[in-house]
Amino acid sequence: MTLRVVFMGTPDFSVPVLSEIIGQGHEVVGVYTRPPAPARRGMEMHKSPVHRLAEGFGLPVFTPKSLRKPEAQAEFAALQADVAVVVAYGLILPKAVLDAPTLGCLNLHASLLPRWRGAAPIQRAIMAGDRETGVMVMRMEEGLDTGPVGMVEKLAIGPDMTAGDLHDRLMRLGADLMVRALAALDRGSLTFTPQAEAGVTYAAKLTNSEGRIDWSMPATAVLDHIRGLSPFPGAFFEADWGQGPARVKVLKAVPVEGTGQPGATLDGALAIACGSGAVRLTEVQRAGRGPMKAADFLNGAKIGPGVQL
C-alpha cells in the first residue's frame, strides 16, 4: 500500500527524504517549502532545494509565508493527506494543520531528543562536545520538538567530525529512517514513546556573535567550537597585519602542545595558545575567498610568534 503524503521541508537536509518517499512509491499530493528568497550575490530570487526537486518531479508546490490564516489551513486540509512529513521546514504548524492528516504529522529531527530540541541541533551537539547524536522520527504536537518518538538511529560523533560532515551523515541516515517509519505507519505497526522528562536541552538558533573564537577556553572547547561551526557560518578571529582588522574563518584545526597568552601565536605556522593547551589552524578562509590550507594562507599573511589574535 501507499500513503497520501504532504511533504514539508526547505534546505538540502530535506531533499533525500523527499526523494526516498517518492522512490518508495508513496503519493506525494503536495510539497510545502519556504518561498523563494534573494541570494547574496545579485539578489536574484532563488527557490529552495526542496522546491527545485519537487518541480523536477512535477509535484504541486506551496510556498505560504504563514500557515496561521484560515485560507492556508483550508488549502492544506483539501489535500486530504494520510500523513505530513516535516523535515527542517522553517514554519510553525498550528493545531489545525497538525490535526488535518488522518495519521498525523511526522517530523525528522537531527538529535537524540529530548537533548537539543530546536533550530540548530547538529551544530550544538558538536559545540557541546557530545560524542553521540542521531535522528529521530517524532509525532508532532504543538510544543517545540516535544512529541513522542517512533523511531531512532544513533550515530557516533568522531573527534574530527565537523558540522558539515555530521549534517551529511545524518541526512542520509534520516532519509532511510523516515521511509522505514512510513512503511511501519502504513502497516499500523509504528508505535510512539513519550520523551524523557529529564535531559531537556535547547539548540537555539546560531547568532553571528557566537562565531568569534574565545581563545581563553581550553583547547578542547576551542576545537569543538570550530568543528561545530564548520563550514557554516564559521568560527572566526580578527587580527591586524598592518591593513586594519581582518576577519578570518577557521574551518579546521588540530590540538598541539604549547602554552602562552590565550590568543597568541606560538610559532609561524598558526599554533595558537588557548586557556589551557593550544591548537593549530589547518584550514582557514578569508573574506571574499575560498577555503585554503594554512600554508597557503601564510604565503599572503606572514605571521610570526607573539601575534595576538
C-alpha atoms as a PDB file:
ATOM      1  CA  MET A   1       0.000   0.000   0.000  1.00  0.00           C
ATOM      2  CA  THR A   2       0.990   3.608  -0.383  1.00  0.00           C
ATOM      3  CA  LEU A   3       0.234   6.712   1.629  1.00  0.00           C
ATOM      4  CA  ARG A   4      -1.002  10.123   0.552  1.00  0.00           C
ATOM      5  CA  VAL A   5       1.840  12.316   1.782  1.00  0.00           C
ATOM      6  CA  VAL A   6       2.267  16.048   2.153  1.00  0.00           C
ATOM      7  CA  PHE A   7       5.971  16.827   2.394  1.00  0.00           C
ATOM      8  CA  MET A   8       7.160  19.959   4.205  1.00  0.00           C
ATOM      9  CA  GLY A   9      10.825  20.926   4.038  1.00  0.00           C
ATOM     10  CA  THR A  10      13.229  23.523   2.717  1.00  0.00           C
ATOM     11  CA  PRO A  11      17.044  23.016   2.828  1.00  0.00           C
ATOM     12  CA  ASP A  12      19.430  20.407   1.426  1.00  0.00           C
ATOM     13  CA  PHE A  13      18.932  18.287   4.539  1.00  0.00           C
ATOM     14  CA  SER A  14      15.297  17.697   3.493  1.00  0.00           C
ATOM     15  CA  VAL A  15      15.983  16.668  -0.100  1.00  0.00           C
ATOM     16  CA  PRO A  16      16.987  12.995   0.347  1.00  0.00           C
ATOM     17  CA  VAL A  17      13.902  12.369   2.486  1.00  0.00           C
ATOM     18  CA  LEU A  18      11.561  13.645  -0.239  1.00  0.00           C
ATOM     19  CA  SER A  19      13.495  11.718  -2.875  1.00  0.00           C
ATOM     20  CA  GLU A  20      13.215   8.465  -0.879  1.00  0.00           C
ATOM     21  CA  ILE A  21       9.496   8.969  -0.249  1.00  0.00           C
ATOM     22  CA  ILE A  22       8.929   9.400  -3.984  1.00  0.00           C
ATOM     23  CA  GLY A  23      11.142   6.395  -4.722  1.00  0.00           C
ATOM     24  CA  GLN A  24       9.120   4.196  -2.358  1.00  0.00           C
ATOM     25  CA  GLY A  25       6.020   4.892  -4.421  1.00  0.00           C
ATOM     26  CA  HIS A  26       4.058   7.000  -1.948  1.00  0.00           C
ATOM     27  CA  GLU A  27       1.657   9.526  -3.482  1.00  0.00           C
ATOM     28  CA  VAL A  28       3.069  12.969  -2.712  1.00  0.00           C
ATOM     29  CA  VAL A  29      -0.019  15.168  -3.022  1.00  0.00           C
ATOM     30  CA  GLY A  30       1.738  18.429  -2.182  1.00  0.00           C
ATOM     31  CA  VAL A  31       5.107  19.874  -1.209  1.00  0.00           C
ATOM     32  CA  TYR A  32       5.374  22.803   1.186  1.00  0.00           C
ATOM     33  CA  THR A  33       8.564  24.829   1.316  1.00  0.00           C
ATOM     34  CA  ARG A  34       9.716  28.329   2.168  1.00  0.00           C
ATOM     35  CA  PRO A  35       9.101  30.990  -0.519  1.00  0.00           C
ATOM     36  CA  PRO A  36      11.905  31.883  -2.958  1.00  0.00           C
ATOM     37  CA  ALA A  37      14.389  34.256  -1.350  1.00  0.00           C
ATOM     38  CA  PRO A  38      17.066  36.607  -2.715  1.00  0.00           C
ATOM     39  CA  ALA A  39      20.536  35.122  -2.894  1.00  0.00           C
ATOM     40  CA  ARG A  40      23.525  37.005  -1.543  1.00  0.00           C
ATOM     41  CA  ARG A  41      25.086  37.636  -4.934  1.00  0.00           C
ATOM     42  CA  GLY A  42      22.965  39.602  -7.351  1.00  0.00           C
ATOM     43  CA  MET A  43      19.962  39.346  -5.023  1.00  0.00           C
ATOM     44  CA  GLU A  44      18.136  37.158  -7.552  1.00  0.00           C
ATOM     45  CA  MET A  45      15.221  35.137  -6.231  1.00  0.00           C
ATOM     46  CA  HIS A  46      16.213  31.510  -5.645  1.00  0.00           C
ATOM     47  CA  LYS A  47      13.948  28.558  -4.984  1.00  0.00           C
ATOM     48  CA  SER A  48      14.756  26.232  -2.103  1.00  0.00           C
ATOM     49  CA  PRO A  49      16.436  22.861  -2.789  1.00  0.00           C
ATOM     50  CA  VAL A  50      13.151  21.098  -1.946  1.00  0.00           C
ATOM     51  CA  HIS A  51      11.238  23.407  -4.294  1.00  0.00           C
ATOM     52  CA  ARG A  52      13.572  22.573  -7.182  1.00  0.00           C
ATOM     53  CA  LEU A  53      13.366  18.820  -6.565  1.00  0.00           C
ATOM     54  CA  ALA A  54       9.567  18.898  -6.322  1.00  0.00           C
ATOM     55  CA  GLU A  55       9.244  20.797  -9.593  1.00  0.00           C
ATOM     56  CA  GLY A  56      11.561  18.293 -11.239  1.00  0.00           C
ATOM     57  CA  PHE A  57       9.077  15.545 -10.351  1.00  0.00           C
ATOM     58  CA  GLY A  58       6.096  17.646 -11.394  1.00  0.00           C
ATOM     59  CA  LEU A  59       4.706  17.846  -7.863  1.00  0.00           C
ATOM     60  CA  PRO A  60       2.436  20.691  -6.727  1.00  0.00           C
ATOM     61  CA  VAL A  61       4.413  23.183  -4.617  1.00  0.00           C
ATOM     62  CA  PHE A  62       3.009  25.511  -1.959  1.00  0.00           C
ATOM     63  CA  THR A  63       5.018  28.413  -0.513  1.00  0.00           C
ATOM     64  CA  PRO A  64       2.866  30.218   2.067  1.00  0.00           C
ATOM     65  CA  LYS A  65       4.571  32.755   4.307  1.00  0.00           C
ATOM     66  CA  SER A  66       2.426  31.539   7.200  1.00  0.00           C
ATOM     67  CA  LEU A  67       0.045  28.686   7.955  1.00  0.00           C
ATOM     68  CA  ARG A  68      -1.959  30.619  10.523  1.00  0.00           C
ATOM     69  CA  LYS A  69      -4.517  32.070   8.112  1.00  0.00           C
ATOM     70  CA  PRO A  70      -7.761  30.091   7.623  1.00  0.00           C
ATOM     71  CA  GLU A  71      -7.297  30.101   3.843  1.00  0.00           C
ATOM     72  CA  ALA A  72      -3.869  28.446   4.117  1.00  0.00           C
ATOM     73  CA  GLN A  73      -5.221  25.857   6.555  1.00  0.00           C
ATOM     74  CA  ALA A  74      -8.169  25.081   4.282  1.00  0.00           C
ATOM     75  CA  GLU A  75      -5.810  24.652   1.321  1.00  0.00           C
ATOM     76  CA  PHE A  76      -3.714  22.223   3.352  1.00  0.00           C
ATOM     77  CA  ALA A  77      -6.741  20.226   4.544  1.00  0.00           C
ATOM     78  CA  ALA A  78      -8.093  19.973   0.989  1.00  0.00           C
ATOM     79  CA  LEU A  79      -5.098  17.802   0.046  1.00  0.00           C
ATOM     80  CA  GLN A  80      -6.631  15.027   2.190  1.00  0.00           C
ATOM     81  CA  ALA A  81      -3.276  13.631   3.223  1.00  0.00           C
ATOM     82  CA  ASP A  82      -2.840  10.472   5.238  1.00  0.00           C
ATOM     83  CA  VAL A  83       0.311  11.914   6.782  1.00  0.00           C
ATOM     84  CA  ALA A  84       2.513  15.006   6.639  1.00  0.00           C
ATOM     85  CA  VAL A  85       6.282  14.550   6.729  1.00  0.00           C
ATOM     86  CA  VAL A  86       8.157  17.559   8.088  1.00  0.00           C
ATOM     87  CA  VAL A  87      11.932  17.956   7.718  1.00  0.00           C
ATOM     88  CA  ALA A  88      13.504  21.345   8.515  1.00  0.00           C
ATOM     89  CA  TYR A  89      10.544  23.208   7.055  1.00  0.00           C
ATOM     90  CA  GLY A  90      11.014  26.507   8.857  1.00  0.00           C
ATOM     91  CA  LEU A  91       7.411  27.452   9.711  1.00  0.00           C
ATOM     92  CA  ILE A  92       5.351  26.749  12.818  1.00  0.00           C
ATOM     93  CA  LEU A  93       2.495  24.300  12.196  1.00  0.00           C
ATOM     94  CA  PRO A  94      -0.665  25.419  14.019  1.00  0.00           C
ATOM     95  CA  LYS A  95      -3.048  22.882  15.556  1.00  0.00           C
ATOM     96  CA  ALA A  96      -5.417  22.966  12.575  1.00  0.00           C
ATOM     97  CA  VAL A  97      -2.591  21.828  10.306  1.00  0.00           C
ATOM     98  CA  LEU A  98      -1.269  19.230  12.759  1.00  0.00           C
ATOM     99  CA  ASP A  99      -4.741  17.719  13.036  1.00  0.00           C
ATOM    100  CA  ALA A 100      -5.558  17.657   9.305  1.00  0.00           C
ATOM    101  CA  PRO A 101      -3.726  14.490   8.124  1.00  0.00           C
ATOM    102  CA  THR A 102      -5.525  11.285   9.122  1.00  0.00           C
ATOM    103  CA  LEU A 103      -2.386   9.719  10.621  1.00  0.00           C
ATOM    104  CA  GLY A 104      -0.830  12.931  11.925  1.00  0.00           C
ATOM    105  CA  CYS A 105       2.407  14.755  11.174  1.00  0.00           C
ATOM    106  CA  LEU A 106       5.825  13.098  11.426  1.00  0.00           C
ATOM    107  CA  ASN A 107       8.958  15.162  11.970  1.00  0.00           C
ATOM    108  CA  LEU A 108      12.532  14.061  11.318  1.00  0.00           C
ATOM    109  CA  HIS A 109      14.735  15.698  13.956  1.00  0.00           C
ATOM    110  CA  ALA A 110      18.548  15.579  13.970  1.00  0.00           C
ATOM    111  CA  SER A 111      19.248  14.868  17.635  1.00  0.00           C
ATOM    112  CA  LEU A 112      18.552  12.345  20.374  1.00  0.00           C
ATOM    113  CA  LEU A 113      15.525  14.019  21.902  1.00  0.00           C
ATOM    114  CA  PRO A 114      14.945  15.476  24.425  1.00  0.00           C
ATOM    115  CA  ARG A 115      18.530  16.681  24.011  1.00  0.00           C
ATOM    116  CA  TRP A 116      18.824  19.553  21.538  1.00  0.00           C
ATOM    117  CA  ARG A 117      15.262  20.493  20.798  1.00  0.00           C
ATOM    118  CA  GLY A 118      15.137  23.468  18.455  1.00  0.00           C
ATOM    119  CA  ALA A 119      16.769  25.024  15.428  1.00  0.00           C
ATOM    120  CA  ALA A 120      20.462  24.042  15.419  1.00  0.00           C
ATOM    121  CA  PRO A 121      20.834  20.546  16.908  1.00  0.00           C
ATOM    122  CA  ILE A 122      23.725  19.435  14.687  1.00  0.00           C
ATOM    123  CA  GLN A 123      25.943  22.408  15.481  1.00  0.00           C
ATOM    124  CA  ARG A 124      25.035  22.499  19.163  1.00  0.00           C
ATOM    125  CA  ALA A 125      25.843  18.834  19.682  1.00  0.00           C
ATOM    126  CA  ILE A 126      29.386  19.276  18.373  1.00  0.00           C
ATOM    127  CA  MET A 127      29.929  22.615  20.098  1.00  0.00           C
ATOM    128  CA  ALA A 128      28.955  20.992  23.411  1.00  0.00           C
ATOM    129  CA  GLY A 129      31.438  18.161  22.903  1.00  0.00           C
ATOM    130  CA  ASP A 130      28.773  15.445  22.564  1.00  0.00           C
ATOM    131  CA  ARG A 131      30.129  12.101  21.431  1.00  0.00           C
ATOM    132  CA  GLU A 132      26.844  10.728  20.142  1.00  0.00           C
ATOM    133  CA  THR A 133      23.792  12.034  18.334  1.00  0.00           C
ATOM    134  CA  GLY A 134      21.296  10.675  15.843  1.00  0.00           C
ATOM    135  CA  VAL A 135      17.997  11.160  14.048  1.00  0.00           C
ATOM    136  CA  MET A 136      14.503  10.574  15.362  1.00  0.00           C
ATOM    137  CA  VAL A 137      11.075  10.312  13.796  1.00  0.00           C
ATOM    138  CA  MET A 138       8.652  12.091  16.102  1.00  0.00           C
ATOM    139  CA  ARG A 139       4.911  12.613  16.003  1.00  0.00           C
ATOM    140  CA  MET A 140       4.417  16.358  16.082  1.00  0.00           C
ATOM    141  CA  GLU A 141       2.393  18.247  18.635  1.00  0.00           C
ATOM    142  CA  GLU A 142       2.105  21.944  19.438  1.00  0.00           C
ATOM    143  CA  GLY A 143       5.205  22.105  21.671  1.00  0.00           C
ATOM    144  CA  LEU A 144       8.727  22.643  20.316  1.00  0.00           C
ATOM    145  CA  ASP A 145      10.018  19.150  19.445  1.00  0.00           C
ATOM    146  CA  THR A 146       8.138  17.678  22.407  1.00  0.00           C
ATOM    147  CA  GLY A 147       6.205  14.908  20.653  1.00  0.00           C
ATOM    148  CA  PRO A 148       6.573  11.160  21.240  1.00  0.00           C
ATOM    149  CA  VAL A 149       9.260   9.274  19.325  1.00  0.00           C
ATOM    150  CA  GLY A 150       8.537   6.450  16.901  1.00  0.00           C
ATOM    151  CA  MET A 151      11.973   5.500  15.555  1.00  0.00           C
ATOM    152  CA  VAL A 152      15.602   6.406  16.235  1.00  0.00           C
ATOM    153  CA  GLU A 153      19.032   5.827  14.718  1.00  0.00           C
ATOM    154  CA  LYS A 154      22.153   6.757  16.687  1.00  0.00           C
ATOM    155  CA  LEU A 155      25.487   7.944  15.309  1.00  0.00           C
ATOM    156  CA  ALA A 156      28.855   8.450  16.967  1.00  0.00           C
ATOM    157  CA  ILE A 157      30.420  11.911  16.605  1.00  0.00           C
ATOM    158  CA  GLY A 158      34.070  11.395  15.693  1.00  0.00           C
ATOM    159  CA  PRO A 159      36.745  13.679  17.197  1.00  0.00           C
ATOM    160  CA  ASP A 160      37.473  15.285  13.812  1.00  0.00           C
ATOM    161  CA  MET A 161      33.885  15.440  12.546  1.00  0.00           C
ATOM    162  CA  THR A 162      32.650  18.896  11.543  1.00  0.00           C
ATOM    163  CA  ALA A 163      29.052  20.087  11.474  1.00  0.00           C
ATOM    164  CA  GLY A 164      29.172  19.691   7.694  1.00  0.00           C
ATOM    165  CA  ASP A 165      30.326  16.087   7.994  1.00  0.00           C
ATOM    166  CA  LEU A 166      27.675  15.291  10.584  1.00  0.00           C
ATOM    167  CA  HIS A 167      24.962  17.040   8.558  1.00  0.00           C
ATOM    168  CA  ASP A 168      25.685  14.827   5.554  1.00  0.00           C
ATOM    169  CA  ARG A 169      25.783  11.605   7.592  1.00  0.00           C
ATOM    170  CA  LEU A 170      22.520  12.383   9.392  1.00  0.00           C
ATOM    171  CA  MET A 171      20.881  13.500   6.147  1.00  0.00           C
ATOM    172  CA  ARG A 172      21.369  10.057   4.597  1.00  0.00           C
ATOM    173  CA  LEU A 173      20.537   8.216   7.810  1.00  0.00           C
ATOM    174  CA  GLY A 174      17.376  10.275   8.268  1.00  0.00           C
ATOM    175  CA  ALA A 175      16.057   9.581   4.774  1.00  0.00           C
ATOM    176  CA  ASP A 176      16.283   5.846   5.356  1.00  0.00           C
ATOM    177  CA  LEU A 177      14.724   6.145   8.819  1.00  0.00           C
ATOM    178  CA  MET A 178      11.739   8.153   7.609  1.00  0.00           C
ATOM    179  CA  VAL A 179      10.790   5.752   4.817  1.00  0.00           C
ATOM    180  CA  ARG A 180      11.001   2.866   7.280  1.00  0.00           C
ATOM    181  CA  ALA A 181       8.769   4.805   9.650  1.00  0.00           C
ATOM    182  CA  LEU A 182       6.240   5.422   6.870  1.00  0.00           C
ATOM    183  CA  ALA A 183       6.226   1.724   5.984  1.00  0.00           C
ATOM    184  CA  ALA A 184       5.536   0.862   9.619  1.00  0.00           C
ATOM    185  CA  LEU A 185       2.856   3.547   9.803  1.00  0.00           C
ATOM    186  CA  ASP A 186       1.190   2.101   6.714  1.00  0.00           C
ATOM    187  CA  ARG A 187       1.169  -1.360   8.338  1.00  0.00           C
ATOM    188  CA  GLY A 188      -0.226   0.056  11.568  1.00  0.00           C
ATOM    189  CA  SER A 189       2.866  -1.046  13.493  1.00  0.00           C
ATOM    190  CA  LEU A 190       4.548   2.298  14.235  1.00  0.00           C
ATOM    191  CA  THR A 191       4.395   2.874  17.981  1.00  0.00           C
ATOM    192  CA  PHE A 192       5.412   6.023  19.846  1.00  0.00           C
ATOM    193  CA  THR A 193       7.165   6.506  23.177  1.00  0.00           C
ATOM    194  CA  PRO A 194       6.940   9.768  25.146  1.00  0.00           C
ATOM    195  CA  GLN A 195      10.203  11.659  25.502  1.00  0.00           C
ATOM    196  CA  ALA A 196      12.013  11.546  28.827  1.00  0.00           C
ATOM    197  CA  GLU A 197      11.336  14.466  31.104  1.00  0.00           C
ATOM    198  CA  ALA A 198      14.985  14.677  32.190  1.00  0.00           C
ATOM    199  CA  GLY A 199      17.836  15.857  29.988  1.00  0.00           C
ATOM    200  CA  VAL A 200      15.993  18.521  28.004  1.00  0.00           C
ATOM    201  CA  THR A 201      18.306  20.993  26.262  1.00  0.00           C
ATOM    202  CA  TYR A 202      17.593  23.598  23.592  1.00  0.00           C
ATOM    203  CA  ALA A 203      19.517  24.124  20.376  1.00  0.00           C
ATOM    204  CA  ALA A 204      18.967  27.842  19.939  1.00  0.00           C
ATOM    205  CA  LYS A 205      19.427  29.389  16.516  1.00  0.00           C
ATOM    206  CA  LEU A 206      23.029  30.392  15.915  1.00  0.00           C
ATOM    207  CA  THR A 207      23.902  34.083  16.135  1.00  0.00           C
ATOM    208  CA  ASN A 208      26.705  35.910  14.330  1.00  0.00           C
ATOM    209  CA  SER A 209      28.396  36.894  17.577  1.00  0.00           C
ATOM    210  CA  GLU A 210      28.767  33.244  18.580  1.00  0.00           C
ATOM    211  CA  GLY A 211      31.207  32.712  15.751  1.00  0.00           C
ATOM    212  CA  ARG A 212      34.006  34.661  17.459  1.00  0.00           C
ATOM    213  CA  ILE A 213      36.562  32.273  18.940  1.00  0.00           C
ATOM    214  CA  ASP A 214      37.178  32.676  22.659  1.00  0.00           C
ATOM    215  CA  TRP A 215      40.823  31.697  22.996  1.00  0.00           C
ATOM    216  CA  SER A 216      40.531  31.732  26.808  1.00  0.00           C
ATOM    217  CA  MET A 217      38.607  28.445  26.620  1.00  0.00           C
ATOM    218  CA  PRO A 218      40.517  25.146  26.885  1.00  0.00           C
ATOM    219  CA  ALA A 219      41.885  23.842  23.589  1.00  0.00           C
ATOM    220  CA  THR A 220      39.317  21.020  23.526  1.00  0.00           C
ATOM    221  CA  ALA A 221      36.448  23.533  23.768  1.00  0.00           C
ATOM    222  CA  VAL A 222      38.012  25.749  21.079  1.00  0.00           C
ATOM    223  CA  LEU A 223      38.262  22.738  18.763  1.00  0.00           C
ATOM    224  CA  ASP A 224      34.629  21.771  19.430  1.00  0.00           C
ATOM    225  CA  HIS A 225      33.587  25.359  18.696  1.00  0.00           C
ATOM    226  CA  ILE A 226      35.465  25.369  15.395  1.00  0.00           C
ATOM    227  CA  ARG A 227      34.107  21.947  14.348  1.00  0.00           C
ATOM    228  CA  GLY A 228      30.570  22.853  15.316  1.00  0.00           C
ATOM    229  CA  LEU A 229      30.532  25.942  13.085  1.00  0.00           C
ATOM    230  CA  SER A 230      32.399  24.477  10.104  1.00  0.00           C
ATOM    231  CA  PRO A 231      31.830  25.093   7.259  1.00  0.00           C
ATOM    232  CA  PHE A 232      28.956  27.458   8.009  1.00  0.00           C
ATOM    233  CA  PRO A 233      28.621  30.010   9.497  1.00  0.00           C
ATOM    234  CA  GLY A 234      32.241  29.525  10.548  1.00  0.00           C
ATOM    235  CA  ALA A 235      34.148  30.262  13.740  1.00  0.00           C
ATOM    236  CA  PHE A 236      36.386  33.298  13.277  1.00  0.00           C
ATOM    237  CA  PHE A 237      39.079  35.535  14.714  1.00  0.00           C
ATOM    238  CA  GLU A 238      40.242  39.031  13.782  1.00  0.00           C
ATOM    239  CA  ALA A 239      43.779  40.330  13.550  1.00  0.00           C
ATOM    240  CA  ASP A 240      45.570  43.380  12.175  1.00  0.00           C
ATOM    241  CA  TRP A 241      48.550  42.775   9.925  1.00  0.00           C
ATOM    242  CA  GLY A 242      49.066  46.407   9.016  1.00  0.00           C
ATOM    243  CA  GLN A 243      45.967  46.963   6.884  1.00  0.00           C
ATOM    244  CA  GLY A 244      43.330  47.178   9.600  1.00  0.00           C
ATOM    245  CA  PRO A 245      41.417  44.387  11.328  1.00  0.00           C
ATOM    246  CA  ALA A 246      40.713  41.427   9.057  1.00  0.00           C
ATOM    247  CA  ARG A 247      38.297  38.584   9.842  1.00  0.00           C
ATOM    248  CA  VAL A 248      39.383  35.013   9.157  1.00  0.00           C
ATOM    249  CA  LYS A 249      37.164  31.946   9.435  1.00  0.00           C
ATOM    250  CA  VAL A 250      38.696  28.788  10.851  1.00  0.00           C
ATOM    251  CA  LEU A 251      37.379  25.638   9.192  1.00  0.00           C
ATOM    252  CA  LYS A 252      39.739  23.032  10.625  1.00  0.00           C
ATOM    253  CA  ALA A 253      42.230  22.831  13.482  1.00  0.00           C
ATOM    254  CA  VAL A 254      44.114  20.185  15.473  1.00  0.00           C
ATOM    255  CA  PRO A 255      45.388  20.040  19.066  1.00  0.00           C
ATOM    256  CA  VAL A 256      49.090  20.695  19.675  1.00  0.00           C
ATOM    257  CA  GLU A 257      51.394  21.059  22.640  1.00  0.00           C
ATOM    258  CA  GLY A 258      52.072  24.593  23.829  1.00  0.00           C
ATOM    259  CA  THR A 259      51.286  27.275  26.371  1.00  0.00           C
ATOM    260  CA  GLY A 260      51.080  31.041  26.242  1.00  0.00           C
ATOM    261  CA  GLN A 261      48.811  34.047  26.459  1.00  0.00           C
ATOM    262  CA  PRO A 262      45.396  32.924  25.132  1.00  0.00           C
ATOM    263  CA  GLY A 263      45.042  34.003  21.503  1.00  0.00           C
ATOM    264  CA  ALA A 264      48.792  34.477  20.941  1.00  0.00           C
ATOM    265  CA  THR A 265      50.558  32.745  18.066  1.00  0.00           C
ATOM    266  CA  LEU A 266      53.221  30.342  19.299  1.00  0.00           C
ATOM    267  CA  ASP A 267      55.119  29.938  16.017  1.00  0.00           C
ATOM    268  CA  GLY A 268      54.976  30.889  12.369  1.00  0.00           C
ATOM    269  CA  ALA A 269      52.599  28.050  11.451  1.00  0.00           C
ATOM    270  CA  LEU A 270      49.383  29.161  13.194  1.00  0.00           C
ATOM    271  CA  ALA A 271      49.733  27.386  16.512  1.00  0.00           C
ATOM    272  CA  ILE A 272      47.561  29.400  18.890  1.00  0.00           C
ATOM    273  CA  ALA A 273      47.603  29.329  22.675  1.00  0.00           C
ATOM    274  CA  CYS A 274      44.319  28.672  24.448  1.00  0.00           C
ATOM    275  CA  GLY A 275      43.225  28.927  28.074  1.00  0.00           C
ATOM    276  CA  SER A 276      44.861  25.555  28.508  1.00  0.00           C
ATOM    277  CA  GLY A 277      46.735  23.799  25.734  1.00  0.00           C
ATOM    278  CA  ALA A 278      46.933  25.020  22.148  1.00  0.00           C
ATOM    279  CA  VAL A 279      45.542  24.396  18.680  1.00  0.00           C
ATOM    280  CA  ARG A 280      46.999  24.616  15.205  1.00  0.00           C
ATOM    281  CA  LEU A 281      44.818  26.070  12.477  1.00  0.00           C
ATOM    282  CA  THR A 282      45.000  23.895   9.365  1.00  0.00           C
ATOM    283  CA  GLU A 283      42.279  25.299   7.081  1.00  0.00           C
ATOM    284  CA  VAL A 284      41.002  28.875   7.021  1.00  0.00           C
ATOM    285  CA  GLN A 285      39.011  31.250   4.840  1.00  0.00           C
ATOM    286  CA  ARG A 286      39.479  34.977   4.359  1.00  0.00           C
ATOM    287  CA  ALA A 287      36.568  37.252   3.494  1.00  0.00           C
ATOM    288  CA  GLY A 288      35.619  37.001  -0.187  1.00  0.00           C
ATOM    289  CA  ARG A 289      37.866  33.991  -0.803  1.00  0.00           C
ATOM    290  CA  GLY A 290      37.518  30.244  -0.784  1.00  0.00           C
ATOM    291  CA  PRO A 291      38.824  27.847   1.865  1.00  0.00           C
ATOM    292  CA  MET A 292      42.586  27.440   1.890  1.00  0.00           C
ATOM    293  CA  LYS A 293      45.198  25.409   3.691  1.00  0.00           C
ATOM    294  CA  ALA A 294      47.086  27.223   6.431  1.00  0.00           C
ATOM    295  CA  ALA A 295      50.328  27.127   4.422  1.00  0.00           C
ATOM    296  CA  ASP A 296      48.678  28.946   1.519  1.00  0.00           C
ATOM    297  CA  PHE A 297      47.152  31.485   3.883  1.00  0.00           C
ATOM    298  CA  LEU A 298      50.563  32.186   5.424  1.00  0.00           C
ATOM    299  CA  ASN A 299      52.015  32.968   1.989  1.00  0.00           C
ATOM    300  CA  GLY A 300      49.932  36.128   1.982  1.00  0.00           C
ATOM    301  CA  ALA A 301      49.932  36.874   5.699  1.00  0.00           C
ATOM    302  CA  LYS A 302      53.315  36.491   7.349  1.00  0.00           C
ATOM    303  CA  ILE A 303      52.537  35.736  10.973  1.00  0.00           C
ATOM    304  CA  GLY A 304      55.318  35.004  13.395  1.00  0.00           C
ATOM    305  CA  PRO A 305      55.156  34.101  17.067  1.00  0.00           C
ATOM    306  CA  GLY A 306      53.681  36.619  19.515  1.00  0.00           C
ATOM    307  CA  VAL A 307      50.875  37.988  17.325  1.00  0.00           C
ATOM    308  CA  GLN A 308      47.676  38.444  19.348  1.00  0.00           C
ATOM    309  CA  LEU A 309      44.518  37.205  17.623  1.00  0.00           C
END
